Amino acid sequence: MKVGVQFPNESFVSEPSAVRDFAQTAEGLGYSHLLVYEHVLGAEHVRRDPPLTVPYNESTVFHEPMVLFGYLAAVTTSIELASGILVLPQRQTALVAKQAAEVAYLSGDRLRLGVGVGWNHVEYLGLGADHSNRGIRSEEQIEVLRQLWERPVVDFNGRWHRIDRAGISPRPRTRIPIWMGGFSDAAYRRAARLADGFIYSLHGPQGPDPDPRGTIERLRTAVAEAGRDPADFGIEMLAPLPLTPREFADLVSTWHDTAVTHLTLHLFGGSTTPKEHIAALRDYRNELGS
């Protein structure tokens, strides 16, 4: 099982060199991957119908993942760069394909593209995207992404996409893995059919998952029912907040010999400084031992 860390967006708002220091420290300590989550737009919550139920608002800090990965590709050498998640249906598919291919090129094929459908209808509106069909539309997007990465010329005529004998260059030298995230059975089934792995959170919008082993088993069953080998399907578990270094080490030990292939430490931002986060990286890693 690989152990990585989620990038604490909220704490990195001053010197860009602190972003570099955090990523290089994580890499030097042996964390396998750096996971970056996103929103393009925050929004006020008052008088919303339907209401915005997740506590991100107009002042919450989010760094743009693909731009950030371009920077991180230049200041790191081995740590995997993973989006967790990129809200795919609110973005132009061909542009995502181009950006991802460029990150893969700059980083030496270290990109893992985690995607999901999101929840913020205000953000979709601001980006000129349709919130109502985001789930089914994301399936076509994944097909388009893979064609653009694999073929020099794409001629695609789908329900939401028309590409008339066009392509991107440079294309990725190796396959960019697409992982999916979400909190519903529909998300599990979609990932089981289409994705290379799933990003699973122990703590979702409705609170802690009361049966994480059952959830993971349902996901693996869906993979098998889709005609695929569950052994070839990655599962990343996002650790809940808050956990002490000892509690995180216990979590790693608990899930080490299971179907979970990646376990990711979540360092919450807010008032914590970059220097304190870098120190925490060492504390958590030291508790893990060898």
C-alpha atoms as a PDB file:
ATOM      1  CA  MET A   1       0.000   0.000   0.000  1.00  0.00           C
ATOM      2  CA  LYS A   2       1.258   3.447  -0.945  1.00  0.00           C
ATOM      3  CA  VAL A   3       1.008   6.290   1.565  1.00  0.00           C
ATOM      4  CA  GLY A   4       0.642   9.855   0.314  1.00  0.00           C
ATOM      5  CA  VAL A   5      -0.516  13.248   1.508  1.00  0.00           C
ATOM      6  CA  GLN A   6      -3.221  15.679   0.478  1.00  0.00           C
ATOM      7  CA  PHE A   7      -2.047  19.213  -0.253  1.00  0.00           C
ATOM      8  CA  PRO A   8      -3.510  21.656   2.325  1.00  0.00           C
ATOM      9  CA  ASN A   9      -4.623  24.400  -0.079  1.00  0.00           C
ATOM     10  CA  GLU A  10      -5.851  26.789   2.588  1.00  0.00           C
ATOM     11  CA  SER A  11      -2.479  27.336   4.257  1.00  0.00           C
ATOM     12  CA  PHE A  12      -0.474  28.239   1.154  1.00  0.00           C
ATOM     13  CA  VAL A  13      -1.422  31.798   0.258  1.00  0.00           C
ATOM     14  CA  SER A  14       1.817  33.759   0.630  1.00  0.00           C
ATOM     15  CA  GLU A  15       5.205  32.666  -0.714  1.00  0.00           C
ATOM     16  CA  PRO A  16       5.169  30.148  -3.602  1.00  0.00           C
ATOM     17  CA  SER A  17       8.460  28.814  -2.258  1.00  0.00           C
ATOM     18  CA  ALA A  18       6.477  27.309   0.624  1.00  0.00           C
ATOM     19  CA  VAL A  19       4.602  25.143  -1.882  1.00  0.00           C
ATOM     20  CA  ARG A  20       7.944  23.950  -3.206  1.00  0.00           C
ATOM     21  CA  ASP A  21       9.252  23.249   0.293  1.00  0.00           C
ATOM     22  CA  PHE A  22       6.160  21.249   1.223  1.00  0.00           C
ATOM     23  CA  ALA A  23       6.271  19.112  -1.935  1.00  0.00           C
ATOM     24  CA  GLN A  24      10.017  18.505  -1.715  1.00  0.00           C
ATOM     25  CA  THR A  25       9.739  17.557   1.952  1.00  0.00           C
ATOM     26  CA  ALA A  26       6.922  15.103   1.219  1.00  0.00           C
ATOM     27  CA  GLU A  27       8.986  13.584  -1.585  1.00  0.00           C
ATOM     28  CA  GLY A  28      12.137  13.400   0.519  1.00  0.00           C
ATOM     29  CA  LEU A  29      10.297  11.676   3.360  1.00  0.00           C
ATOM     30  CA  GLY A  30       9.044   8.986   1.021  1.00  0.00           C
ATOM     31  CA  TYR A  31       5.377   9.876   0.617  1.00  0.00           C
ATOM     32  CA  SER A  32       4.350   8.259  -2.644  1.00  0.00           C
ATOM     33  CA  HIS A  33       1.904  10.862  -3.938  1.00  0.00           C
ATOM     34  CA  LEU A  34       0.656  14.403  -3.463  1.00  0.00           C
ATOM     35  CA  LEU A  35      -3.108  14.747  -3.870  1.00  0.00           C
ATOM     36  CA  VAL A  36      -4.628  18.125  -4.808  1.00  0.00           C
ATOM     37  CA  TYR A  37      -8.357  18.838  -4.541  1.00  0.00           C
ATOM     38  CA  GLU A  38     -10.079  21.730  -6.264  1.00  0.00           C
ATOM     39  CA  HIS A  39     -12.862  24.182  -6.825  1.00  0.00           C
ATOM     40  CA  VAL A  40     -12.677  26.935  -9.420  1.00  0.00           C
ATOM     41  CA  LEU A  41     -15.308  29.124  -7.760  1.00  0.00           C
ATOM     42  CA  GLY A  42     -16.398  29.400  -4.167  1.00  0.00           C
ATOM     43  CA  ALA A  43     -19.859  30.736  -3.394  1.00  0.00           C
ATOM     44  CA  GLU A  44     -21.866  32.354  -0.636  1.00  0.00           C
ATOM     45  CA  HIS A  45     -24.237  29.877   0.980  1.00  0.00           C
ATOM     46  CA  VAL A  46     -27.124  32.115   2.025  1.00  0.00           C
ATOM     47  CA  ARG A  47     -30.426  31.917   0.146  1.00  0.00           C
ATOM     48  CA  ARG A  48     -29.437  29.041  -2.155  1.00  0.00           C
ATOM     49  CA  ASP A  49     -31.989  26.668  -3.652  1.00  0.00           C
ATOM     50  CA  PRO A  50     -30.930  23.917  -3.574  1.00  0.00           C
ATOM     51  CA  PRO A  51     -28.663  24.689  -0.610  1.00  0.00           C
ATOM     52  CA  LEU A  52     -24.912  24.248  -0.731  1.00  0.00           C
ATOM     53  CA  THR A  53     -24.295  21.566   1.862  1.00  0.00           C
ATOM     54  CA  VAL A  54     -20.489  21.332   1.916  1.00  0.00           C
ATOM     55  CA  PRO A  55     -18.733  23.997   4.030  1.00  0.00           C
ATOM     56  CA  TYR A  56     -16.616  25.569   1.285  1.00  0.00           C
ATOM     57  CA  ASN A  57     -17.559  29.175   0.629  1.00  0.00           C
ATOM     58  CA  GLU A  58     -16.425  32.222  -1.326  1.00  0.00           C
ATOM     59  CA  SER A  59     -13.336  32.728   0.866  1.00  0.00           C
ATOM     60  CA  THR A  60     -11.995  29.149   0.855  1.00  0.00           C
ATOM     61  CA  VAL A  61      -8.596  28.880  -0.834  1.00  0.00           C
ATOM     62  CA  PHE A  62      -8.149  26.424  -3.710  1.00  0.00           C
ATOM     63  CA  HIS A  63      -5.086  26.330  -5.927  1.00  0.00           C
ATOM     64  CA  GLU A  64      -5.719  25.411  -9.569  1.00  0.00           C
ATOM     65  CA  PRO A  65      -4.454  21.813  -9.868  1.00  0.00           C
ATOM     66  CA  MET A  66      -3.159  21.723 -13.427  1.00  0.00           C
ATOM     67  CA  VAL A  67      -1.226  24.977 -13.074  1.00  0.00           C
ATOM     68  CA  LEU A  68       0.079  23.837  -9.684  1.00  0.00           C
ATOM     69  CA  PHE A  69       1.193  20.515 -11.167  1.00  0.00           C
ATOM     70  CA  GLY A  70       3.179  22.357 -13.834  1.00  0.00           C
ATOM     71  CA  TYR A  71       5.071  24.124 -11.063  1.00  0.00           C
ATOM     72  CA  LEU A  72       5.487  20.979  -8.965  1.00  0.00           C
ATOM     73  CA  ALA A  73       6.780  19.051 -11.969  1.00  0.00           C
ATOM     74  CA  ALA A  74       9.751  21.427 -12.052  1.00  0.00           C
ATOM     75  CA  VAL A  75      10.610  21.234  -8.346  1.00  0.00           C
ATOM     76  CA  THR A  76      10.119  17.494  -7.686  1.00  0.00           C
ATOM     77  CA  THR A  77      11.461  14.380  -9.391  1.00  0.00           C
ATOM     78  CA  SER A  78       9.629  11.273  -8.189  1.00  0.00           C
ATOM     79  CA  ILE A  79       6.461  11.962  -6.191  1.00  0.00           C
ATOM     80  CA  GLU A  80       3.223  11.194  -8.050  1.00  0.00           C
ATOM     81  CA  LEU A  81       0.993  14.196  -8.764  1.00  0.00           C
ATOM     82  CA  ALA A  82      -2.675  13.306  -8.354  1.00  0.00           C
ATOM     83  CA  SER A  83      -5.849  15.353  -8.643  1.00  0.00           C
ATOM     84  CA  GLY A  84      -8.370  14.342  -6.059  1.00  0.00           C
ATOM     85  CA  ILE A  85     -10.614  15.346  -7.593  1.00  0.00           C
ATOM     86  CA  LEU A  86     -10.844  17.517 -10.716  1.00  0.00           C
ATOM     87  CA  VAL A  87     -14.494  18.418 -11.373  1.00  0.00           C
ATOM     88  CA  LEU A  88     -14.502  17.141 -14.934  1.00  0.00           C
ATOM     89  CA  PRO A  89     -17.981  18.020 -16.303  1.00  0.00           C
ATOM     90  CA  GLN A  90     -17.547  21.726 -15.580  1.00  0.00           C
ATOM     91  CA  ARG A  91     -14.389  21.803 -17.719  1.00  0.00           C
ATOM     92  CA  GLN A  92     -13.856  21.606 -21.478  1.00  0.00           C
ATOM     93  CA  THR A  93     -12.816  18.046 -22.270  1.00  0.00           C
ATOM     94  CA  ALA A  94     -10.272  18.772 -24.993  1.00  0.00           C
ATOM     95  CA  LEU A  95      -8.607  21.392 -22.790  1.00  0.00           C
ATOM     96  CA  VAL A  96      -8.350  18.915 -19.896  1.00  0.00           C
ATOM     97  CA  ALA A  97      -6.805  16.403 -22.296  1.00  0.00           C
ATOM     98  CA  LYS A  98      -4.248  18.987 -23.425  1.00  0.00           C
ATOM     99  CA  GLN A  99      -3.408  20.138 -19.893  1.00  0.00           C
ATOM    100  CA  ALA A 100      -3.075  16.601 -18.577  1.00  0.00           C
ATOM    101  CA  ALA A 101      -0.822  15.590 -21.453  1.00  0.00           C
ATOM    102  CA  GLU A 102       1.383  18.612 -20.759  1.00  0.00           C
ATOM    103  CA  VAL A 103       1.631  17.815 -17.033  1.00  0.00           C
ATOM    104  CA  ALA A 104       2.512  14.225 -17.885  1.00  0.00           C
ATOM    105  CA  TYR A 105       5.231  15.469 -20.242  1.00  0.00           C
ATOM    106  CA  LEU A 106       6.700  17.996 -17.797  1.00  0.00           C
ATOM    107  CA  SER A 107       6.622  15.619 -14.825  1.00  0.00           C
ATOM    108  CA  GLY A 108       8.026  12.534 -16.538  1.00  0.00           C
ATOM    109  CA  ASP A 109       4.702  10.683 -16.543  1.00  0.00           C
ATOM    110  CA  ARG A 110       3.883  11.245 -12.871  1.00  0.00           C
ATOM    111  CA  LEU A 111       0.274  12.403 -13.306  1.00  0.00           C
ATOM    112  CA  ARG A 112      -2.704  10.460 -11.979  1.00  0.00           C
ATOM    113  CA  LEU A 113      -5.913  12.198 -13.032  1.00  0.00           C
ATOM    114  CA  GLY A 114      -8.641  11.842 -10.427  1.00  0.00           C
ATOM    115  CA  VAL A 115     -11.996  13.153 -11.628  1.00  0.00           C
ATOM    116  CA  GLY A 116     -15.522  13.499 -10.285  1.00  0.00           C
ATOM    117  CA  VAL A 117     -18.787  15.270 -10.981  1.00  0.00           C
ATOM    118  CA  GLY A 118     -18.815  17.721  -8.048  1.00  0.00           C
ATOM    119  CA  TRP A 119     -21.774  19.182  -6.196  1.00  0.00           C
ATOM    120  CA  ASN A 120     -21.612  22.991  -6.499  1.00  0.00           C
ATOM    121  CA  HIS A 121     -24.338  24.093  -8.922  1.00  0.00           C
ATOM    122  CA  VAL A 122     -23.284  27.730  -8.487  1.00  0.00           C
ATOM    123  CA  GLU A 123     -19.809  26.870  -9.732  1.00  0.00           C
ATOM    124  CA  TYR A 124     -21.241  25.069 -12.770  1.00  0.00           C
ATOM    125  CA  LEU A 125     -23.387  28.103 -13.588  1.00  0.00           C
ATOM    126  CA  GLY A 126     -20.398  30.440 -13.361  1.00  0.00           C
ATOM    127  CA  LEU A 127     -18.402  28.228 -15.716  1.00  0.00           C
ATOM    128  CA  GLY A 128     -21.218  27.947 -18.247  1.00  0.00           C
ATOM    129  CA  ALA A 129     -21.629  24.193 -17.729  1.00  0.00           C
ATOM    130  CA  ASP A 130     -24.753  22.063 -17.268  1.00  0.00           C
ATOM    131  CA  HIS A 131     -25.052  20.747 -13.728  1.00  0.00           C
ATOM    132  CA  SER A 132     -28.079  18.534 -14.391  1.00  0.00           C
ATOM    133  CA  ASN A 133     -26.436  15.951 -16.676  1.00  0.00           C
ATOM    134  CA  ARG A 134     -22.953  15.978 -15.210  1.00  0.00           C
ATOM    135  CA  GLY A 135     -22.851  12.271 -14.342  1.00  0.00           C
ATOM    136  CA  ILE A 136     -23.706  10.781 -17.711  1.00  0.00           C
ATOM    137  CA  ARG A 137     -21.760  13.495 -19.531  1.00  0.00           C
ATOM    138  CA  SER A 138     -18.610  12.621 -17.606  1.00  0.00           C
ATOM    139  CA  GLU A 139     -18.710   9.143 -19.130  1.00  0.00           C
ATOM    140  CA  GLU A 140     -18.445  10.545 -22.639  1.00  0.00           C
ATOM    141  CA  GLN A 141     -15.721  12.896 -21.456  1.00  0.00           C
ATOM    142  CA  ILE A 142     -13.571   9.983 -20.320  1.00  0.00           C
ATOM    143  CA  GLU A 143     -13.965   8.342 -23.710  1.00  0.00           C
ATOM    144  CA  VAL A 144     -12.923  11.568 -25.428  1.00  0.00           C
ATOM    145  CA  LEU A 145      -9.939  12.057 -23.103  1.00  0.00           C
ATOM    146  CA  ARG A 146      -8.571   8.626 -23.854  1.00  0.00           C
ATOM    147  CA  GLN A 147      -9.037   8.985 -27.589  1.00  0.00           C
ATOM    148  CA  LEU A 148      -7.236  12.337 -27.611  1.00  0.00           C
ATOM    149  CA  TRP A 149      -4.352  10.883 -25.599  1.00  0.00           C
ATOM    150  CA  GLU A 150      -4.022   7.740 -27.705  1.00  0.00           C
ATOM    151  CA  ARG A 151      -4.723   8.824 -31.290  1.00  0.00           C
ATOM    152  CA  PRO A 152      -2.959  11.441 -33.421  1.00  0.00           C
ATOM    153  CA  VAL A 153      -6.246  12.333 -35.125  1.00  0.00           C
ATOM    154  CA  VAL A 154      -9.663  11.956 -33.513  1.00  0.00           C
ATOM    155  CA  ASP A 155     -12.983  11.967 -35.360  1.00  0.00           C
ATOM    156  CA  PHE A 156     -15.633  11.827 -32.643  1.00  0.00           C
ATOM    157  CA  ASN A 157     -19.333  12.493 -32.898  1.00  0.00           C
ATOM    158  CA  GLY A 158     -21.008  11.973 -29.546  1.00  0.00           C
ATOM    159  CA  ARG A 159     -23.949  13.333 -27.633  1.00  0.00           C
ATOM    160  CA  TRP A 160     -22.011  16.290 -26.203  1.00  0.00           C
ATOM    161  CA  HIS A 161     -18.754  16.318 -28.159  1.00  0.00           C
ATOM    162  CA  ARG A 162     -17.864  16.821 -31.799  1.00  0.00           C
ATOM    163  CA  ILE A 163     -14.214  16.578 -32.796  1.00  0.00           C
ATOM    164  CA  ASP A 164     -13.684  16.828 -36.544  1.00  0.00           C
ATOM    165  CA  ARG A 165     -10.397  15.096 -37.398  1.00  0.00           C
ATOM    166  CA  ALA A 166      -8.289  16.895 -34.824  1.00  0.00           C
ATOM    167  CA  GLY A 167      -5.826  15.980 -32.103  1.00  0.00           C
ATOM    168  CA  ILE A 168      -3.411  17.156 -29.446  1.00  0.00           C
ATOM    169  CA  SER A 169       0.367  17.139 -29.560  1.00  0.00           C
ATOM    170  CA  PRO A 170       2.402  16.169 -27.677  1.00  0.00           C
ATOM    171  CA  ARG A 171       0.386  13.168 -26.574  1.00  0.00           C
ATOM    172  CA  PRO A 172       1.272  11.255 -23.398  1.00  0.00           C
ATOM    173  CA  ARG A 173       4.075   8.750 -23.774  1.00  0.00           C
ATOM    174  CA  THR A 174       2.330   6.344 -21.415  1.00  0.00           C
ATOM    175  CA  ARG A 175      -1.296   5.885 -20.427  1.00  0.00           C
ATOM    176  CA  ILE A 176      -2.520   8.535 -17.967  1.00  0.00           C
ATOM    177  CA  PRO A 177      -4.492   6.701 -15.281  1.00  0.00           C
ATOM    178  CA  ILE A 178      -7.987   8.051 -14.667  1.00  0.00           C
ATOM    179  CA  TRP A 179      -9.382   7.524 -11.193  1.00  0.00           C
ATOM    180  CA  MET A 180     -12.840   8.600 -10.096  1.00  0.00           C
ATOM    181  CA  GLY A 181     -14.273   9.820  -6.813  1.00  0.00           C
ATOM    182  CA  GLY A 182     -17.728  10.194  -5.305  1.00  0.00           C
ATOM    183  CA  PHE A 183     -20.052   9.130  -2.538  1.00  0.00           C
ATOM    184  CA  SER A 184     -22.895   7.258  -4.224  1.00  0.00           C
ATOM    185  CA  ASP A 185     -23.593   3.811  -5.648  1.00  0.00           C
ATOM    186  CA  ALA A 186     -23.886   5.483  -9.064  1.00  0.00           C
ATOM    187  CA  ALA A 187     -20.332   6.802  -8.656  1.00  0.00           C
ATOM    188  CA  TYR A 188     -19.080   3.347  -7.643  1.00  0.00           C
ATOM    189  CA  ARG A 189     -20.717   1.690 -10.658  1.00  0.00           C
ATOM    190  CA  ARG A 190     -19.444   4.360 -13.061  1.00  0.00           C
ATOM    191  CA  ALA A 191     -15.892   3.994 -11.755  1.00  0.00           C
ATOM    192  CA  ALA A 192     -16.119   0.207 -11.881  1.00  0.00           C
ATOM    193  CA  ARG A 193     -16.926   0.382 -15.593  1.00  0.00           C
ATOM    194  CA  LEU A 194     -14.660   3.198 -16.709  1.00  0.00           C
ATOM    195  CA  ALA A 195     -11.873   4.086 -14.288  1.00  0.00           C
ATOM    196  CA  ASP A 196      -8.503   2.701 -13.305  1.00  0.00           C
ATOM    197  CA  GLY A 197      -9.232   3.270  -9.634  1.00  0.00           C
ATOM    198  CA  PHE A 198     -11.467   4.979  -7.086  1.00  0.00           C
ATOM    199  CA  ILE A 199     -10.756   7.708  -4.537  1.00  0.00           C
ATOM    200  CA  TYR A 200     -12.776   6.849  -1.433  1.00  0.00           C
ATOM    201  CA  SER A 201     -13.273   9.065   1.600  1.00  0.00           C
ATOM    202  CA  LEU A 202     -13.927   7.605   5.030  1.00  0.00           C
ATOM    203  CA  HIS A 203     -15.850  10.805   5.811  1.00  0.00           C
ATOM    204  CA  GLY A 204     -18.361  11.963   3.197  1.00  0.00           C
ATOM    205  CA  PRO A 205     -20.905  14.806   3.036  1.00  0.00           C
ATOM    206  CA  GLN A 206     -23.286  12.868   5.286  1.00  0.00           C
ATOM    207  CA  GLY A 207     -20.632  12.101   7.886  1.00  0.00           C
ATOM    208  CA  PRO A 208     -18.391   9.087   8.584  1.00  0.00           C
ATOM    209  CA  ASP A 209     -19.025   5.918   6.610  1.00  0.00           C
ATOM    210  CA  PRO A 210     -20.384   3.424   9.180  1.00  0.00           C
ATOM    211  CA  ASP A 211     -19.218   0.427   7.124  1.00  0.00           C
ATOM    212  CA  PRO A 212     -16.062   1.218   5.134  1.00  0.00           C
ATOM    213  CA  ARG A 213     -15.185  -2.429   4.552  1.00  0.00           C
ATOM    214  CA  GLY A 214     -18.672  -3.030   3.192  1.00  0.00           C
ATOM    215  CA  THR A 215     -18.376  -0.003   0.907  1.00  0.00           C
ATOM    216  CA  ILE A 216     -15.061  -1.180  -0.496  1.00  0.00           C
ATOM    217  CA  GLU A 217     -16.444  -4.664  -1.009  1.00  0.00           C
ATOM    218  CA  ARG A 218     -19.439  -3.217  -2.904  1.00  0.00           C
ATOM    219  CA  LEU A 219     -16.992  -1.320  -5.084  1.00  0.00           C
ATOM    220  CA  ARG A 220     -14.950  -4.446  -5.792  1.00  0.00           C
ATOM    221  CA  THR A 221     -18.123  -6.381  -6.567  1.00  0.00           C
ATOM    222  CA  ALA A 222     -19.137  -3.690  -9.055  1.00  0.00           C
ATOM    223  CA  VAL A 223     -15.731  -3.996 -10.734  1.00  0.00           C
ATOM    224  CA  ALA A 224     -16.160  -7.754 -11.062  1.00  0.00           C
ATOM    225  CA  GLU A 225     -19.714  -7.342 -12.377  1.00  0.00           C
ATOM    226  CA  ALA A 226     -18.335  -4.985 -15.034  1.00  0.00           C
ATOM    227  CA  GLY A 227     -16.188  -7.860 -16.290  1.00  0.00           C
ATOM    228  CA  ARG A 228     -12.951  -6.562 -14.861  1.00  0.00           C
ATOM    229  CA  ASP A 229     -10.399  -7.985 -12.420  1.00  0.00           C
ATOM    230  CA  PRO A 230     -10.642  -6.215  -9.031  1.00  0.00           C
ATOM    231  CA  ALA A 231      -6.945  -6.929  -8.520  1.00  0.00           C
ATOM    232  CA  ASP A 232      -6.173  -4.485 -11.342  1.00  0.00           C
ATOM    233  CA  PHE A 233      -8.349  -1.732  -9.856  1.00  0.00           C
ATOM    234  CA  GLY A 234      -6.802   0.803  -7.470  1.00  0.00           C
ATOM    235  CA  ILE A 235      -8.538   2.067  -4.339  1.00  0.00           C
ATOM    236  CA  GLU A 236      -7.327   5.179  -2.567  1.00  0.00           C
ATOM    237  CA  MET A 237      -8.598   5.869   0.931  1.00  0.00           C
ATOM    238  CA  LEU A 238      -8.618   9.455   2.225  1.00  0.00           C
ATOM    239  CA  ALA A 239      -8.008   9.525   5.949  1.00  0.00           C
ATOM    240  CA  PRO A 240     -10.625  11.387   8.019  1.00  0.00           C
ATOM    241  CA  LEU A 241     -10.012  14.509  10.077  1.00  0.00           C
ATOM    242  CA  PRO A 242      -8.546  14.896  12.586  1.00  0.00           C
ATOM    243  CA  LEU A 243      -6.065  12.099  13.194  1.00  0.00           C
ATOM    244  CA  THR A 244      -2.972  12.173  15.381  1.00  0.00           C
ATOM    245  CA  PRO A 245       0.228  10.665  13.964  1.00  0.00           C
ATOM    246  CA  ARG A 246      -0.360   7.540  16.079  1.00  0.00           C
ATOM    247  CA  GLU A 247      -3.961   7.219  14.883  1.00  0.00           C
ATOM    248  CA  PHE A 248      -2.855   7.602  11.272  1.00  0.00           C
ATOM    249  CA  ALA A 249      -0.187   4.936  11.726  1.00  0.00           C
ATOM    250  CA  ASP A 250      -2.838   2.631  13.192  1.00  0.00           C
ATOM    251  CA  LEU A 251      -5.073   3.322  10.186  1.00  0.00           C
ATOM    252  CA  VAL A 252      -2.243   2.432   7.812  1.00  0.00           C
ATOM    253  CA  SER A 253      -1.643  -0.779   9.742  1.00  0.00           C
ATOM    254  CA  THR A 254      -5.348  -1.678   9.733  1.00  0.00           C
ATOM    255  CA  TRP A 255      -5.727  -1.329   5.975  1.00  0.00           C
ATOM    256  CA  HIS A 256      -2.254  -2.393   4.883  1.00  0.00           C
ATOM    257  CA  ASP A 257      -3.071  -5.926   3.708  1.00  0.00           C
ATOM    258  CA  THR A 258      -6.454  -5.169   2.166  1.00  0.00           C
ATOM    259  CA  ALA A 259      -7.783  -4.092  -1.232  1.00  0.00           C
ATOM    260  CA  VAL A 260      -6.779  -0.498  -0.434  1.00  0.00           C
ATOM    261  CA  THR A 261      -3.787   0.343  -2.627  1.00  0.00           C
ATOM    262  CA  HIS A 262      -3.253   3.973  -1.550  1.00  0.00           C
ATOM    263  CA  LEU A 263      -3.879   5.697   1.788  1.00  0.00           C
ATOM    264  CA  THR A 264      -3.708   9.489   1.923  1.00  0.00           C
ATOM    265  CA  LEU A 265      -3.076  11.719   4.908  1.00  0.00           C
ATOM    266  CA  HIS A 266      -5.309  14.793   5.070  1.00  0.00           C
ATOM    267  CA  LEU A 267      -3.598  17.820   6.605  1.00  0.00           C
ATOM    268  CA  PHE A 268      -6.267  20.438   7.245  1.00  0.00           C
ATOM    269  CA  GLY A 269      -5.402  24.031   6.356  1.00  0.00           C
ATOM    270  CA  GLY A 270      -6.980  27.063   7.985  1.00  0.00           C
ATOM    271  CA  SER A 271      -4.730  28.803  10.489  1.00  0.00           C
ATOM    272  CA  THR A 272      -1.945  26.223  10.272  1.00  0.00           C
ATOM    273  CA  THR A 273       1.203  27.663   8.687  1.00  0.00           C
ATOM    274  CA  PRO A 274       3.249  26.035   5.910  1.00  0.00           C
ATOM    275  CA  LYS A 275       6.119  25.555   8.367  1.00  0.00           C
ATOM    276  CA  GLU A 276       3.807  23.712  10.764  1.00  0.00           C
ATOM    277  CA  HIS A 277       2.529  21.510   7.935  1.00  0.00           C
ATOM    278  CA  ILE A 278       6.074  20.617   6.910  1.00  0.00           C
ATOM    279  CA  ALA A 279       6.860  19.689  10.523  1.00  0.00           C
ATOM    280  CA  ALA A 280       3.681  17.587  10.608  1.00  0.00           C
ATOM    281  CA  LEU A 281       4.816  15.688   7.523  1.00  0.00           C
ATOM    282  CA  ARG A 282       7.855  14.574   9.489  1.00  0.00           C
ATOM    283  CA  ASP A 283       5.843  13.722  12.616  1.00  0.00           C
ATOM    284  CA  TYR A 284       3.403  11.503  10.712  1.00  0.00           C
ATOM    285  CA  ARG A 285       6.174   9.848   8.727  1.00  0.00           C
ATOM    286  CA  ASN A 286       8.247   9.148  11.835  1.00  0.00           C
ATOM    287  CA  GLU A 287       5.261   7.475  13.481  1.00  0.00           C
ATOM    288  CA  LEU A 288       4.898   5.146  10.499  1.00  0.00           C
ATOM    289  CA  GLY A 289       8.458   3.866  10.987  1.00  0.00           C
ATOM    290  CA  SER A 290       9.770   1.601   8.265  1.00  0.00           C
END
